[in-house]
Amino acid sequence: MGLIGFLIVGLIAGFLARLVVPGKDDFGILGTLVLGLVGSFVGGTLASLLSDGPAELGAAGIIGSIVGAIIALVVYNAVTGRKKRV
């Protein structure tokens, strides 16, 4: 996957993660893109840890990117104290 494809997958993954995780996020398009790219690396790392191959930092496909972006967004909200449950 080329750089443009990687950016498009990151943007889609970040957007879908923001749809799945409840609450309002004021990231904008650049923040959504970064969330998706971080999610892609998180998803790729989790996939390599769950498979028989060596653990390495790499990009994931669209499903792994979405799952990774959801995990990254939940962790970000927990660390920053945003969206506290009542």
N, C-alpha and C. Protein backbone atom coordinates (compact mmCIF):
# COMPACT_ATOMS: atom_id res chain seq x y z
N MET A 1 0.85 -1.16 0.00
CA MET A 1 0.00 0.00 0.00
C MET A 1 0.90 1.23 0.00
N GLY A 2 0.59 2.14 -0.88
CA GLY A 2 1.37 3.36 -0.97
C GLY A 2 1.00 4.35 0.12
N LEU A 3 1.68 5.45 0.12
CA LEU A 3 1.47 6.49 1.13
C LEU A 3 0.05 7.05 1.07
N ILE A 4 -0.45 7.31 -0.13
CA ILE A 4 -1.80 7.85 -0.27
C ILE A 4 -2.84 6.84 0.24
N GLY A 5 -2.66 5.58 -0.08
CA GLY A 5 -3.56 4.54 0.40
C GLY A 5 -3.53 4.42 1.92
N PHE A 6 -2.35 4.53 2.48
CA PHE A 6 -2.18 4.47 3.93
C PHE A 6 -2.90 5.64 4.61
N LEU A 7 -2.80 6.82 4.02
CA LEU A 7 -3.48 7.99 4.57
C LEU A 7 -5.00 7.87 4.46
N ILE A 8 -5.49 7.34 3.35
CA ILE A 8 -6.93 7.16 3.16
C ILE A 8 -7.47 6.14 4.15
N VAL A 9 -6.78 5.02 4.31
CA VAL A 9 -7.20 4.01 5.28
C VAL A 9 -7.17 4.58 6.69
N GLY A 10 -6.16 5.37 7.02
CA GLY A 10 -6.08 6.01 8.33
C GLY A 10 -7.22 6.96 8.58
N LEU A 11 -7.59 7.73 7.58
CA LEU A 11 -8.69 8.68 7.71
C LEU A 11 -10.01 7.95 7.91
N ILE A 12 -10.24 6.90 7.14
CA ILE A 12 -11.47 6.11 7.28
C ILE A 12 -11.52 5.43 8.64
N ALA A 13 -10.41 4.85 9.07
CA ALA A 13 -10.37 4.16 10.36
C ALA A 13 -10.60 5.14 11.51
N GLY A 14 -9.99 6.30 11.45
CA GLY A 14 -10.19 7.31 12.48
C GLY A 14 -11.62 7.80 12.54
N PHE A 15 -12.22 8.02 11.38
CA PHE A 15 -13.62 8.46 11.32
C PHE A 15 -14.55 7.40 11.90
N LEU A 16 -14.35 6.14 11.53
CA LEU A 16 -15.21 5.07 12.04
C LEU A 16 -15.01 4.86 13.54
N ALA A 17 -13.79 5.02 14.03
CA ALA A 17 -13.55 4.89 15.46
C ALA A 17 -14.27 5.99 16.22
N ARG A 18 -14.26 7.19 15.68
CA ARG A 18 -14.97 8.30 16.34
C ARG A 18 -16.47 8.07 16.32
N LEU A 19 -16.99 7.37 15.31
CA LEU A 19 -18.41 7.04 15.28
C LEU A 19 -18.77 5.99 16.33
N VAL A 20 -17.88 5.03 16.54
CA VAL A 20 -18.15 3.91 17.45
C VAL A 20 -18.02 4.33 18.91
N VAL A 21 -16.99 5.08 19.25
CA VAL A 21 -16.76 5.49 20.63
C VAL A 21 -17.69 6.67 20.94
N PRO A 22 -18.55 6.53 21.97
CA PRO A 22 -19.53 7.58 22.24
C PRO A 22 -18.88 8.86 22.77
N GLY A 23 -19.57 9.97 22.55
CA GLY A 23 -19.11 11.26 23.04
C GLY A 23 -18.64 12.15 21.92
N LYS A 24 -18.34 13.38 22.25
CA LYS A 24 -17.90 14.37 21.27
C LYS A 24 -16.38 14.50 21.30
N ASP A 25 -15.79 14.38 20.13
CA ASP A 25 -14.34 14.55 19.98
C ASP A 25 -14.10 15.73 19.05
N ASP A 26 -13.33 16.68 19.50
CA ASP A 26 -13.02 17.86 18.70
C ASP A 26 -11.64 17.73 18.07
N PHE A 27 -11.47 16.72 17.22
CA PHE A 27 -10.17 16.48 16.61
C PHE A 27 -9.99 17.23 15.30
N GLY A 28 -11.01 17.36 14.51
CA GLY A 28 -10.88 17.89 13.17
C GLY A 28 -10.37 16.81 12.24
N ILE A 29 -10.16 17.16 11.00
CA ILE A 29 -9.75 16.16 10.01
C ILE A 29 -8.32 15.67 10.23
N LEU A 30 -7.43 16.56 10.65
CA LEU A 30 -6.04 16.16 10.89
C LEU A 30 -5.94 15.24 12.11
N GLY A 31 -6.67 15.55 13.16
CA GLY A 31 -6.69 14.69 14.35
C GLY A 31 -7.29 13.33 14.05
N THR A 32 -8.33 13.31 13.22
CA THR A 32 -8.94 12.04 12.81
C THR A 32 -7.96 11.20 12.01
N LEU A 33 -7.21 11.85 11.14
CA LEU A 33 -6.20 11.16 10.34
C LEU A 33 -5.11 10.58 11.23
N VAL A 34 -4.63 11.37 12.18
CA VAL A 34 -3.59 10.89 13.11
C VAL A 34 -4.12 9.73 13.94
N LEU A 35 -5.38 9.84 14.40
CA LEU A 35 -5.99 8.75 15.17
C LEU A 35 -6.01 7.47 14.35
N GLY A 36 -6.40 7.56 13.10
CA GLY A 36 -6.43 6.38 12.23
C GLY A 36 -5.06 5.80 11.97
N LEU A 37 -4.06 6.66 11.79
CA LEU A 37 -2.69 6.17 11.56
C LEU A 37 -2.14 5.49 12.80
N VAL A 38 -2.38 6.09 13.96
CA VAL A 38 -1.96 5.45 15.22
C VAL A 38 -2.69 4.12 15.38
N GLY A 39 -3.98 4.13 15.06
CA GLY A 39 -4.78 2.90 15.14
C GLY A 39 -4.26 1.81 14.22
N SER A 40 -3.78 2.20 13.07
CA SER A 40 -3.22 1.22 12.14
C SER A 40 -1.98 0.55 12.71
N PHE A 41 -1.13 1.34 13.35
CA PHE A 41 0.06 0.76 13.96
C PHE A 41 -0.30 -0.10 15.18
N VAL A 42 -1.27 0.35 15.97
CA VAL A 42 -1.72 -0.44 17.13
C VAL A 42 -2.33 -1.76 16.64
N GLY A 43 -3.19 -1.68 15.63
CA GLY A 43 -3.80 -2.90 15.08
C GLY A 43 -2.78 -3.84 14.48
N GLY A 44 -1.80 -3.30 13.78
CA GLY A 44 -0.75 -4.15 13.19
C GLY A 44 0.10 -4.81 14.26
N THR A 45 0.38 -4.08 15.33
CA THR A 45 1.16 -4.65 16.43
C THR A 45 0.37 -5.74 17.14
N LEU A 46 -0.91 -5.50 17.40
CA LEU A 46 -1.74 -6.53 18.03
C LEU A 46 -1.86 -7.76 17.16
N ALA A 47 -2.01 -7.56 15.85
CA ALA A 47 -2.11 -8.69 14.94
C ALA A 47 -0.82 -9.51 14.93
N SER A 48 0.32 -8.85 14.98
CA SER A 48 1.58 -9.60 14.98
C SER A 48 1.80 -10.32 16.31
N LEU A 49 1.28 -9.75 17.40
CA LEU A 49 1.39 -10.43 18.69
C LEU A 49 0.48 -11.66 18.76
N LEU A 50 -0.67 -11.59 18.11
CA LEU A 50 -1.61 -12.72 18.13
C LEU A 50 -1.26 -13.81 17.14
N SER A 51 -0.47 -13.48 16.12
CA SER A 51 -0.08 -14.48 15.14
C SER A 51 1.20 -15.18 15.58
N ASP A 52 1.61 -16.15 14.80
CA ASP A 52 2.82 -16.90 15.13
C ASP A 52 4.10 -16.18 14.74
N GLY A 53 3.97 -15.10 13.98
CA GLY A 53 5.14 -14.39 13.50
C GLY A 53 5.79 -13.55 14.59
N PRO A 54 6.91 -12.95 14.26
CA PRO A 54 7.60 -12.10 15.24
C PRO A 54 6.80 -10.81 15.50
N ALA A 55 6.92 -10.30 16.71
CA ALA A 55 6.24 -9.05 17.07
C ALA A 55 7.02 -7.88 16.46
N GLU A 56 6.36 -7.16 15.57
CA GLU A 56 7.01 -6.01 14.94
C GLU A 56 5.98 -4.92 14.74
N LEU A 57 6.44 -3.69 14.71
CA LEU A 57 5.57 -2.55 14.50
C LEU A 57 5.32 -2.40 13.01
N GLY A 58 4.06 -2.50 12.63
CA GLY A 58 3.73 -2.38 11.22
C GLY A 58 2.30 -1.92 11.04
N ALA A 59 1.95 -1.60 9.82
CA ALA A 59 0.60 -1.13 9.52
C ALA A 59 -0.33 -2.32 9.35
N ALA A 60 -1.59 -2.11 9.71
CA ALA A 60 -2.60 -3.15 9.59
C ALA A 60 -3.50 -2.84 8.41
N GLY A 61 -4.40 -3.78 8.12
CA GLY A 61 -5.42 -3.54 7.11
C GLY A 61 -6.52 -2.67 7.69
N ILE A 62 -7.61 -2.53 6.96
CA ILE A 62 -8.67 -1.63 7.38
C ILE A 62 -9.34 -2.10 8.68
N ILE A 63 -9.59 -3.39 8.84
CA ILE A 63 -10.23 -3.88 10.06
C ILE A 63 -9.31 -3.69 11.26
N GLY A 64 -8.06 -4.07 11.11
CA GLY A 64 -7.09 -3.87 12.19
C GLY A 64 -6.90 -2.41 12.53
N SER A 65 -6.96 -1.55 11.51
CA SER A 65 -6.81 -0.12 11.74
C SER A 65 -7.99 0.43 12.54
N ILE A 66 -9.20 -0.02 12.21
CA ILE A 66 -10.38 0.44 12.94
C ILE A 66 -10.33 -0.02 14.39
N VAL A 67 -10.01 -1.29 14.60
CA VAL A 67 -9.91 -1.82 15.97
C VAL A 67 -8.81 -1.08 16.74
N GLY A 68 -7.67 -0.88 16.11
CA GLY A 68 -6.58 -0.15 16.76
C GLY A 68 -6.94 1.29 17.06
N ALA A 69 -7.68 1.94 16.16
CA ALA A 69 -8.09 3.33 16.38
C ALA A 69 -9.09 3.42 17.53
N ILE A 70 -9.98 2.45 17.63
CA ILE A 70 -10.93 2.42 18.75
C ILE A 70 -10.17 2.28 20.07
N ILE A 71 -9.21 1.37 20.10
CA ILE A 71 -8.40 1.17 21.31
C ILE A 71 -7.62 2.45 21.64
N ALA A 72 -7.02 3.06 20.62
CA ALA A 72 -6.25 4.29 20.84
C ALA A 72 -7.14 5.42 21.35
N LEU A 73 -8.36 5.54 20.83
CA LEU A 73 -9.27 6.59 21.27
C LEU A 73 -9.75 6.37 22.70
N VAL A 74 -10.04 5.13 23.05
CA VAL A 74 -10.46 4.82 24.42
C VAL A 74 -9.32 5.10 25.40
N VAL A 75 -8.11 4.72 25.04
CA VAL A 75 -6.95 4.99 25.90
C VAL A 75 -6.71 6.50 26.01
N TYR A 76 -6.82 7.21 24.91
CA TYR A 76 -6.64 8.67 24.93
C TYR A 76 -7.66 9.32 25.86
N ASN A 77 -8.93 8.89 25.76
CA ASN A 77 -9.96 9.46 26.62
C ASN A 77 -9.73 9.12 28.09
N ALA A 78 -9.22 7.94 28.36
CA ALA A 78 -8.95 7.55 29.75
C ALA A 78 -7.77 8.34 30.32
N VAL A 79 -6.74 8.54 29.52
CA VAL A 79 -5.55 9.24 29.98
C VAL A 79 -5.82 10.73 30.19
N THR A 80 -6.56 11.34 29.28
CA THR A 80 -6.83 12.77 29.38
C THR A 80 -8.01 13.09 30.30
N GLY A 81 -8.74 12.08 30.74
CA GLY A 81 -9.87 12.29 31.64
C GLY A 81 -11.10 12.80 30.94
N ARG A 82 -11.16 12.67 29.64
CA ARG A 82 -12.33 13.12 28.88
C ARG A 82 -13.42 12.06 28.95
N LYS A 83 -14.64 12.49 28.85
CA LYS A 83 -15.81 11.61 28.80
C LYS A 83 -15.91 10.73 30.01
N LYS A 84 -15.85 11.30 31.17
CA LYS A 84 -15.99 10.52 32.38
C LYS A 84 -17.41 10.00 32.50
N ARG A 85 -17.52 8.78 32.96
CA ARG A 85 -18.85 8.18 33.15
C ARG A 85 -19.48 8.72 34.43
N VAL A 86 -20.76 8.92 34.37
CA VAL A 86 -21.48 9.42 35.53
C VAL A 86 -22.30 8.31 36.13
